[in-house]
Amino acid sequence: MDIAALLALLLRRREFPLLAATLIASWGPPGRRLIGADFMPPRVGMDNAGTIDNLRYFTIAAPSTTRYSSAPLEDGGEMFASLNYSLGDGKIARQFTGSDYDGLVGYLARNETMEAIAAVIGWSNTALLQSLVERSEFQIWKVLTSGGYGKFGDNGFVEIVNGPDLSGQFIEAAEDWSDPEVNPYPVIEARIQRLVSQGFVKSGIRIVFTDQVRTILKNNPFTAVKSGKSLLVTNSDGTVQTQPISGIVDDSDIDKIFRAMGVQAPITYDERGWTTAKVQKRFFPEGNMAFIASTGRNENVRFNHDNPADVRAVLVPNIVGVVGIGRANGQSVAGRRVAVRPYTDEAAARLEGEAWTTEDPLLLEPLAVCGLFGIQ
């Protein structure tokens, strides 16, 4: 079997459409967990532009009545809003060349067909499909830390996309938390109370930050006080100092402090992605702390939706939005697309791959998100 025959086999088996349809890719490859989809999972099959009628029902306590009276009709108990959206486009092209291509030729020369298939599919997943996933991961965290995001592309393409009006929900940390005289916890508790005042359950509030922010909190003396490892003492000149009692503050102390405030233990997220400028960039921006409430809104994500013989689903609970996936350019049905073509009869023998999509994050529960930025 040569490379052209291998690609023909993969096309007959629909390997590339099936790869692109595997929505579990939105959580990243094994060993590199992306968490954006925990809050805004993929939803395939959306129109490229349209309106989502965002209707939510709330429980109203039933009134007391006489035994034989009719049930009273109660108005209210629902909140209605419409979200107008337009999904954007993303695409990338990559080449499978050099020693990788020679290795593929070697597999086929030794009749190691399964190894050759694994090499091509693995490259298609890493170089093509995950590029689409990471584009959305960057956008998810831009939405969840600022409410909107920008689209940037080649040849100076810039489009600023604004989300809902979330003024007041994302505020700057005005004081330096590395200053031993600054207590960061009143600011943190105020963000928590903002969500509670919107009607969200405190115990369901999830917090995301980076390891640097976690370290700043561990080194702040007020953390040692809250964890019971130090005392605040007032000197004769009126200055306040901390007096160690036992041990140092560790990660488990941070988790205990947040649980003692009534929320979930914070998630530390430090994964990075490569930009087209060959620069590594954080998905979750440094110096931020996101507060994300549990909403009761669930999304049933159908993995392998393009493979009728193997359709599986998982319920993602308490989402605040979705990554809407529409119909990509030149396609008859919605979904991400991956294509690979051989160029074997050339001096620069290679495989060329393309991946493209029409998708963007849509924030359906804007009141369930708030945050801090500029933490240092």
Protein backbone atom coordinates (compact mmCIF):
# COMPACT_ATOMS: atom_id res chain seq x y z
CA MET A 1 0.00 0.00 0.00
CA ASP A 2 1.27 3.49 -0.85
CA ILE A 3 0.27 6.81 0.70
CA ALA A 4 -2.37 7.57 -1.92
CA ALA A 5 -4.01 4.19 -1.24
CA LEU A 6 -3.81 4.83 2.52
CA LEU A 7 -5.63 8.15 2.15
CA ALA A 8 -8.22 6.48 -0.09
CA LEU A 9 -8.79 3.87 2.63
CA LEU A 10 -9.23 6.54 5.28
CA LEU A 11 -11.70 8.42 3.09
CA ARG A 12 -13.75 5.26 2.45
CA ARG A 13 -13.88 4.65 6.18
CA ARG A 14 -14.91 8.28 6.74
CA GLU A 15 -12.14 8.66 9.32
CA PHE A 16 -11.80 12.42 8.90
CA PRO A 17 -15.52 13.28 9.19
CA LEU A 18 -15.78 10.97 12.20
CA LEU A 19 -12.74 12.62 13.80
CA ALA A 20 -14.21 16.09 13.32
CA ALA A 21 -17.56 14.96 14.76
CA THR A 22 -16.03 13.69 18.00
CA LEU A 23 -17.14 16.52 20.29
CA ILE A 24 -15.19 15.06 23.20
CA ALA A 25 -12.26 16.82 21.53
CA SER A 26 -13.60 20.04 23.10
CA TRP A 27 -12.17 18.84 26.43
CA GLY A 28 -8.69 18.53 24.93
CA PRO A 29 -6.44 15.53 24.27
CA PRO A 30 -5.51 12.96 26.95
CA GLY A 31 -3.21 14.49 29.52
CA ARG A 32 -4.09 18.06 28.57
CA ARG A 33 -7.48 18.83 30.05
CA LEU A 34 -9.26 21.93 28.79
CA ILE A 35 -11.99 23.03 31.20
CA GLY A 36 -13.84 25.67 29.17
CA ALA A 37 -16.32 23.07 27.93
CA ASP A 38 -17.30 22.34 31.56
CA PHE A 39 -18.98 25.76 31.55
CA MET A 40 -19.75 26.28 27.83
CA PRO A 41 -19.93 22.86 26.10
CA PRO A 42 -20.29 22.40 22.32
CA ARG A 43 -23.75 22.43 20.76
CA VAL A 44 -23.73 21.22 17.16
CA GLY A 45 -26.53 21.84 14.69
CA MET A 46 -27.16 25.54 15.29
CA ASP A 47 -28.02 27.99 12.54
CA ASN A 48 -25.09 30.19 11.57
CA ALA A 49 -27.09 33.22 12.66
CA GLY A 50 -30.35 33.57 14.47
CA THR A 51 -32.12 34.22 17.73
CA ILE A 52 -32.20 32.07 20.84
CA ASP A 53 -35.32 32.54 22.95
CA ASN A 54 -33.74 32.24 26.34
CA LEU A 55 -36.69 31.25 28.55
CA ARG A 56 -36.17 30.14 32.13
CA TYR A 57 -38.77 29.01 34.63
CA PHE A 58 -38.51 29.48 38.37
CA THR A 59 -40.39 27.62 41.09
CA ILE A 60 -43.26 29.45 42.81
CA ALA A 61 -44.43 28.00 46.10
CA ALA A 62 -47.97 26.69 45.77
CA PRO A 63 -50.51 28.66 47.83
CA SER A 64 -52.73 27.03 50.41
CA THR A 65 -56.33 26.43 49.25
CA THR A 66 -59.53 24.76 50.35
CA ARG A 67 -59.86 21.09 49.50
CA TYR A 68 -62.34 21.38 46.63
CA SER A 69 -61.39 24.71 45.11
CA SER A 70 -59.81 24.93 41.68
CA ALA A 71 -56.06 25.45 41.39
CA PRO A 72 -55.22 29.16 41.16
CA LEU A 73 -53.33 30.25 38.05
CA GLU A 74 -50.19 32.12 39.05
CA ASP A 75 -48.52 34.55 36.65
CA GLY A 76 -44.80 35.11 36.66
CA GLY A 77 -42.13 32.62 37.58
CA GLU A 78 -40.34 32.96 34.28
CA MET A 79 -37.65 35.20 32.88
CA PHE A 80 -37.56 35.75 29.13
CA ALA A 81 -34.83 37.16 26.93
CA SER A 82 -33.76 36.81 23.31
CA LEU A 83 -30.15 36.46 22.24
CA ASN A 84 -29.33 37.52 18.69
CA TYR A 85 -26.13 35.86 17.51
CA SER A 86 -23.95 35.35 14.45
CA LEU A 87 -21.35 32.58 14.50
CA GLY A 88 -17.86 33.35 13.23
CA ASP A 89 -15.53 31.30 11.08
CA GLY A 90 -12.15 29.76 11.86
CA LYS A 91 -9.85 27.73 9.64
CA ILE A 92 -6.30 26.43 9.49
CA ALA A 93 -4.07 24.56 7.00
CA ARG A 94 -1.06 22.42 7.99
CA GLN A 95 1.43 20.16 6.21
CA PHE A 96 2.70 16.70 7.14
CA THR A 97 6.26 16.79 5.79
CA GLY A 98 9.92 15.95 6.40
CA SER A 99 10.88 13.12 8.75
CA ASP A 100 7.25 12.53 9.71
CA TYR A 101 6.38 11.89 6.07
CA ASP A 102 9.42 9.60 5.67
CA GLY A 103 8.33 7.69 8.75
CA LEU A 104 4.88 7.22 7.22
CA VAL A 105 6.48 5.86 4.04
CA GLY A 106 8.51 3.48 6.20
CA TYR A 107 5.37 2.15 7.95
CA LEU A 108 3.77 1.36 4.61
CA ALA A 109 6.95 -0.22 3.22
CA ARG A 110 6.89 -2.64 6.18
CA ASN A 111 3.16 -3.28 5.78
CA GLU A 112 2.50 -1.64 9.16
CA THR A 113 -0.84 -0.26 8.04
CA MET A 114 -2.33 0.27 11.50
CA GLU A 115 0.71 2.28 12.61
CA ALA A 116 0.43 4.41 9.45
CA ILE A 117 -3.28 5.04 10.09
CA ALA A 118 -2.57 5.99 13.70
CA ALA A 119 0.13 8.43 12.57
CA VAL A 120 -2.14 10.21 10.09
CA ILE A 121 -5.16 10.34 12.40
CA GLY A 122 -3.03 11.44 15.35
CA TRP A 123 -1.52 14.27 13.30
CA SER A 124 -4.96 15.27 12.03
CA ASN A 125 -6.27 15.45 15.58
CA THR A 126 -3.32 17.40 17.01
CA ALA A 127 -2.52 19.75 14.13
CA LEU A 128 -6.01 20.32 12.73
CA LEU A 129 -8.98 19.46 14.96
CA GLN A 130 -7.41 20.69 18.21
CA SER A 131 -6.61 23.99 16.50
CA LEU A 132 -10.34 24.61 16.17
CA VAL A 133 -10.93 23.52 19.76
CA GLU A 134 -8.24 25.84 21.13
CA ARG A 135 -9.63 28.79 19.17
CA SER A 136 -12.90 28.31 21.06
CA GLU A 137 -11.09 27.74 24.38
CA PHE A 138 -9.44 31.15 24.09
CA GLN A 139 -12.81 32.73 23.29
CA ILE A 140 -14.66 30.95 26.12
CA TRP A 141 -12.34 32.41 28.72
CA LYS A 142 -12.45 35.84 27.15
CA VAL A 143 -16.23 35.70 27.52
CA LEU A 144 -16.08 34.38 31.09
CA THR A 145 -13.54 37.00 32.23
CA SER A 146 -14.81 40.07 30.36
CA GLY A 147 -18.17 39.26 28.75
CA GLY A 148 -16.99 39.63 25.13
CA TYR A 149 -14.12 38.78 22.84
CA GLY A 150 -12.28 39.90 19.74
CA LYS A 151 -11.61 38.01 16.51
CA PHE A 152 -8.15 38.47 15.03
CA GLY A 153 -6.86 36.95 11.80
CA ASP A 154 -4.35 37.31 8.98
CA ASN A 155 -3.94 40.44 6.88
CA GLY A 156 -5.02 42.71 9.69
CA PHE A 157 -8.49 41.14 10.12
CA VAL A 158 -10.03 42.42 13.35
CA GLU A 159 -13.63 42.13 14.50
CA ILE A 160 -14.67 43.11 18.02
CA VAL A 161 -17.55 41.02 19.29
CA ASN A 162 -19.36 42.31 22.35
CA GLY A 163 -21.29 40.09 24.69
CA PRO A 164 -24.10 41.15 27.03
CA ASP A 165 -23.71 44.33 29.06
CA LEU A 166 -21.88 43.06 32.12
CA SER A 167 -20.75 46.38 33.52
CA GLY A 168 -19.99 46.02 37.21
CA GLN A 169 -19.60 42.26 37.04
CA PHE A 170 -15.89 42.35 36.22
CA ILE A 171 -13.90 44.75 38.38
CA GLU A 172 -10.23 45.44 38.92
CA ALA A 173 -8.53 44.46 42.16
CA ALA A 174 -7.65 47.97 43.26
CA GLU A 175 -5.06 46.99 45.88
CA ASP A 176 -1.89 44.92 45.69
CA TRP A 177 -2.64 41.55 47.28
CA SER A 178 1.11 40.95 47.67
CA ASP A 179 1.15 43.80 50.18
CA PRO A 180 1.06 42.17 53.64
CA GLU A 181 -1.22 44.93 54.91
CA VAL A 182 -3.89 44.27 52.25
CA ASN A 183 -6.68 41.84 53.09
CA PRO A 184 -8.02 40.39 49.82
CA TYR A 185 -10.90 38.44 51.32
CA PRO A 186 -13.50 41.23 51.64
CA VAL A 187 -13.20 41.81 47.88
CA ILE A 188 -13.53 38.09 47.18
CA GLU A 189 -16.54 37.77 49.49
CA ALA A 190 -18.19 40.76 47.79
CA ARG A 191 -17.97 38.97 44.42
CA ILE A 192 -19.52 35.88 45.97
CA GLN A 193 -22.32 37.91 47.51
CA ARG A 194 -23.04 39.51 44.14
CA LEU A 195 -23.96 36.10 42.75
CA VAL A 196 -25.90 35.17 45.88
CA SER A 197 -27.89 38.40 45.59
CA GLN A 198 -28.83 37.37 42.04
CA GLY A 199 -30.46 34.25 43.48
CA PHE A 200 -27.69 31.70 42.86
CA VAL A 201 -26.90 29.12 45.53
CA LYS A 202 -23.65 29.92 47.31
CA SER A 203 -22.54 26.28 47.58
CA GLY A 204 -22.69 25.93 43.79
CA ILE A 205 -20.37 28.85 43.02
CA ARG A 206 -17.21 27.73 41.21
CA ILE A 207 -14.02 29.80 41.23
CA VAL A 208 -11.22 29.66 38.65
CA PHE A 209 -7.80 31.28 38.94
CA THR A 210 -4.14 30.59 38.07
CA ASP A 211 -1.37 29.11 40.18
CA GLN A 212 0.19 32.57 40.48
CA VAL A 213 -2.98 33.94 42.09
CA ARG A 214 -3.14 30.90 44.37
CA THR A 215 0.47 31.57 45.40
CA ILE A 216 -0.27 35.26 46.08
CA LEU A 217 -3.09 34.21 48.39
CA LYS A 218 -0.91 31.62 50.14
CA ASN A 219 1.74 34.27 50.84
CA ASN A 220 -0.73 36.85 52.09
CA PRO A 221 -0.66 36.97 55.93
CA PHE A 222 -4.45 37.25 56.13
CA THR A 223 -4.65 33.78 54.57
CA ALA A 224 -2.51 32.40 57.39
CA VAL A 225 -4.89 34.04 59.86
CA LYS A 226 -8.00 32.60 58.17
CA SER A 227 -6.41 29.15 58.07
CA GLY A 228 -5.60 29.29 61.79
CA LYS A 229 -1.83 29.25 61.29
CA SER A 230 -1.22 32.83 62.45
CA LEU A 231 -2.71 35.46 64.76
CA LEU A 232 -3.08 39.18 64.21
CA VAL A 233 -1.37 41.13 67.00
CA THR A 234 -1.21 44.87 67.59
CA ASN A 235 2.20 46.28 68.50
CA SER A 236 2.74 49.06 71.07
CA ASP A 237 3.05 51.59 68.23
CA GLY A 238 -0.35 50.60 66.86
CA THR A 239 0.88 48.60 63.86
CA VAL A 240 -0.70 45.24 63.15
CA GLN A 241 1.43 42.15 62.55
CA THR A 242 0.84 38.45 62.13
CA GLN A 243 2.29 36.06 64.65
CA PRO A 244 2.88 32.50 63.37
CA ILE A 245 1.30 29.66 65.29
CA SER A 246 2.14 26.52 63.34
CA GLY A 247 3.20 25.44 59.87
CA ILE A 248 2.95 27.22 56.54
CA VAL A 249 -0.08 27.81 54.34
CA ASP A 250 -0.46 25.16 51.62
CA ASP A 251 -2.90 24.43 48.81
CA SER A 252 -5.26 22.48 51.06
CA ASP A 253 -5.55 25.53 53.33
CA ILE A 254 -6.66 27.67 50.37
CA ASP A 255 -9.30 25.08 49.49
CA LYS A 256 -10.52 24.94 53.10
CA ILE A 257 -10.80 28.73 53.31
CA PHE A 258 -13.01 28.94 50.22
CA ARG A 259 -15.15 26.01 51.39
CA ALA A 260 -15.49 27.78 54.75
CA MET A 261 -16.82 30.81 52.85
CA GLY A 262 -19.53 28.48 51.52
CA VAL A 263 -18.33 28.04 47.92
CA GLN A 264 -16.53 25.26 46.09
CA ALA A 265 -12.76 24.78 46.31
CA PRO A 266 -11.14 26.86 43.56
CA ILE A 267 -9.90 25.39 40.29
CA THR A 268 -6.35 26.26 39.23
CA TYR A 269 -6.12 26.51 35.44
CA ASP A 270 -2.77 27.16 33.76
CA GLU A 271 -3.04 25.50 30.34
CA ARG A 272 -1.65 27.45 27.40
CA GLY A 273 -2.12 27.39 23.64
CA TRP A 274 0.09 28.48 20.76
CA THR A 275 -0.95 31.51 18.74
CA THR A 276 -0.25 31.92 15.02
CA ALA A 277 2.63 34.21 16.06
CA LYS A 278 4.27 31.11 17.64
CA VAL A 279 3.74 32.54 21.13
CA GLN A 280 2.34 30.56 24.03
CA LYS A 281 -0.62 32.28 25.64
CA ARG A 282 -2.78 31.38 28.62
CA PHE A 283 -6.35 30.35 27.93
CA PHE A 284 -7.32 31.80 31.31
CA PRO A 285 -5.66 35.22 31.67
CA GLU A 286 -3.15 35.80 34.44
CA GLY A 287 -4.27 38.00 37.32
CA ASN A 288 -7.92 37.00 36.98
CA MET A 289 -10.36 35.25 39.28
CA ALA A 290 -13.64 34.08 37.76
CA PHE A 291 -16.75 33.37 39.85
CA ILE A 292 -19.21 31.11 38.00
CA ALA A 293 -22.51 30.12 39.56
CA SER A 294 -24.31 26.81 39.20
CA THR A 295 -27.35 27.53 37.05
CA GLY A 296 -29.43 24.35 36.94
CA ARG A 297 -29.18 24.57 33.14
CA ASN A 298 -27.79 21.34 31.66
CA GLU A 299 -26.56 20.45 28.17
CA ASN A 300 -26.76 16.97 26.68
CA VAL A 301 -23.66 16.74 24.47
CA ARG A 302 -23.87 14.05 21.81
CA PHE A 303 -20.40 12.71 21.08
CA ASN A 304 -19.76 11.11 17.67
CA HIS A 305 -22.95 12.72 16.37
CA ASP A 306 -21.92 11.92 12.77
CA ASN A 307 -21.62 8.18 13.43
CA PRO A 308 -25.09 6.58 13.80
CA ALA A 309 -23.48 3.32 14.93
CA ASP A 310 -21.74 4.94 17.88
CA VAL A 311 -23.68 7.96 19.14
CA ARG A 312 -22.97 8.61 22.80
CA ALA A 313 -24.05 11.42 25.05
CA VAL A 314 -22.97 12.99 28.30
CA LEU A 315 -24.84 15.47 30.47
CA VAL A 316 -22.83 18.60 31.31
CA PRO A 317 -24.47 20.20 34.37
CA ASN A 318 -24.82 23.83 35.42
CA ILE A 319 -23.64 25.45 32.20
CA VAL A 320 -23.60 29.21 31.62
CA GLY A 321 -23.59 28.99 27.83
CA VAL A 322 -22.61 26.90 24.83
CA VAL A 323 -20.17 26.93 21.96
CA GLY A 324 -22.59 27.03 19.06
CA ILE A 325 -21.37 25.00 16.07
CA GLY A 326 -23.07 25.83 12.78
CA ARG A 327 -22.66 24.81 9.15
CA ALA A 328 -19.09 25.31 7.95
CA ASN A 329 -18.35 26.78 4.54
CA GLY A 330 -19.19 24.42 1.67
CA GLN A 331 -20.93 21.87 3.89
CA SER A 332 -24.52 20.64 3.85
CA VAL A 333 -24.76 19.85 7.57
CA ALA A 334 -23.50 21.50 10.74
CA GLY A 335 -20.22 20.49 12.35
CA ARG A 336 -16.48 20.94 12.33
CA ARG A 337 -14.65 19.73 9.25
CA VAL A 338 -11.25 18.08 8.70
CA ALA A 339 -9.80 17.15 5.29
CA VAL A 340 -6.42 15.64 4.31
CA ARG A 341 -5.03 15.33 0.76
CA PRO A 342 -1.84 13.59 -0.52
CA TYR A 343 0.77 15.23 -2.77
CA THR A 344 3.07 12.32 -3.52
CA ASP A 345 4.37 12.96 -7.06
CA GLU A 346 6.32 16.10 -6.20
CA ALA A 347 9.81 16.92 -4.93
CA ALA A 348 8.21 18.26 -1.75
CA ALA A 349 6.10 15.17 -1.10
CA ARG A 350 3.62 15.82 1.69
CA LEU A 351 0.16 15.56 3.09
CA GLU A 352 -1.85 18.76 3.30
CA GLY A 353 -4.63 19.11 5.82
CA GLU A 354 -7.30 21.70 6.45
CA ALA A 355 -9.73 22.19 9.31
CA TRP A 356 -12.53 24.73 9.34
CA THR A 357 -15.58 25.57 11.38
CA THR A 358 -18.33 28.07 11.97
CA GLU A 359 -18.60 28.38 15.75
CA ASP A 360 -18.49 30.82 18.65
CA PRO A 361 -19.27 30.84 22.40
CA LEU A 362 -22.73 32.11 23.37
CA LEU A 363 -23.26 33.28 26.95
CA LEU A 364 -26.79 32.23 27.95
CA GLU A 365 -26.56 33.02 31.68
CA PRO A 366 -24.76 36.38 31.88
CA LEU A 367 -25.84 37.07 35.48
CA ALA A 368 -24.18 33.84 36.61
CA VAL A 369 -20.67 35.16 35.92
CA CYS A 370 -18.57 37.82 37.60
CA GLY A 371 -14.90 38.29 38.30
CA LEU A 372 -11.80 40.16 39.34
CA PHE A 373 -8.84 41.15 37.18
CA GLY A 374 -5.52 42.88 37.76
CA ILE A 375 -4.63 40.71 40.76
CA GLN A 376 -1.00 41.06 41.75
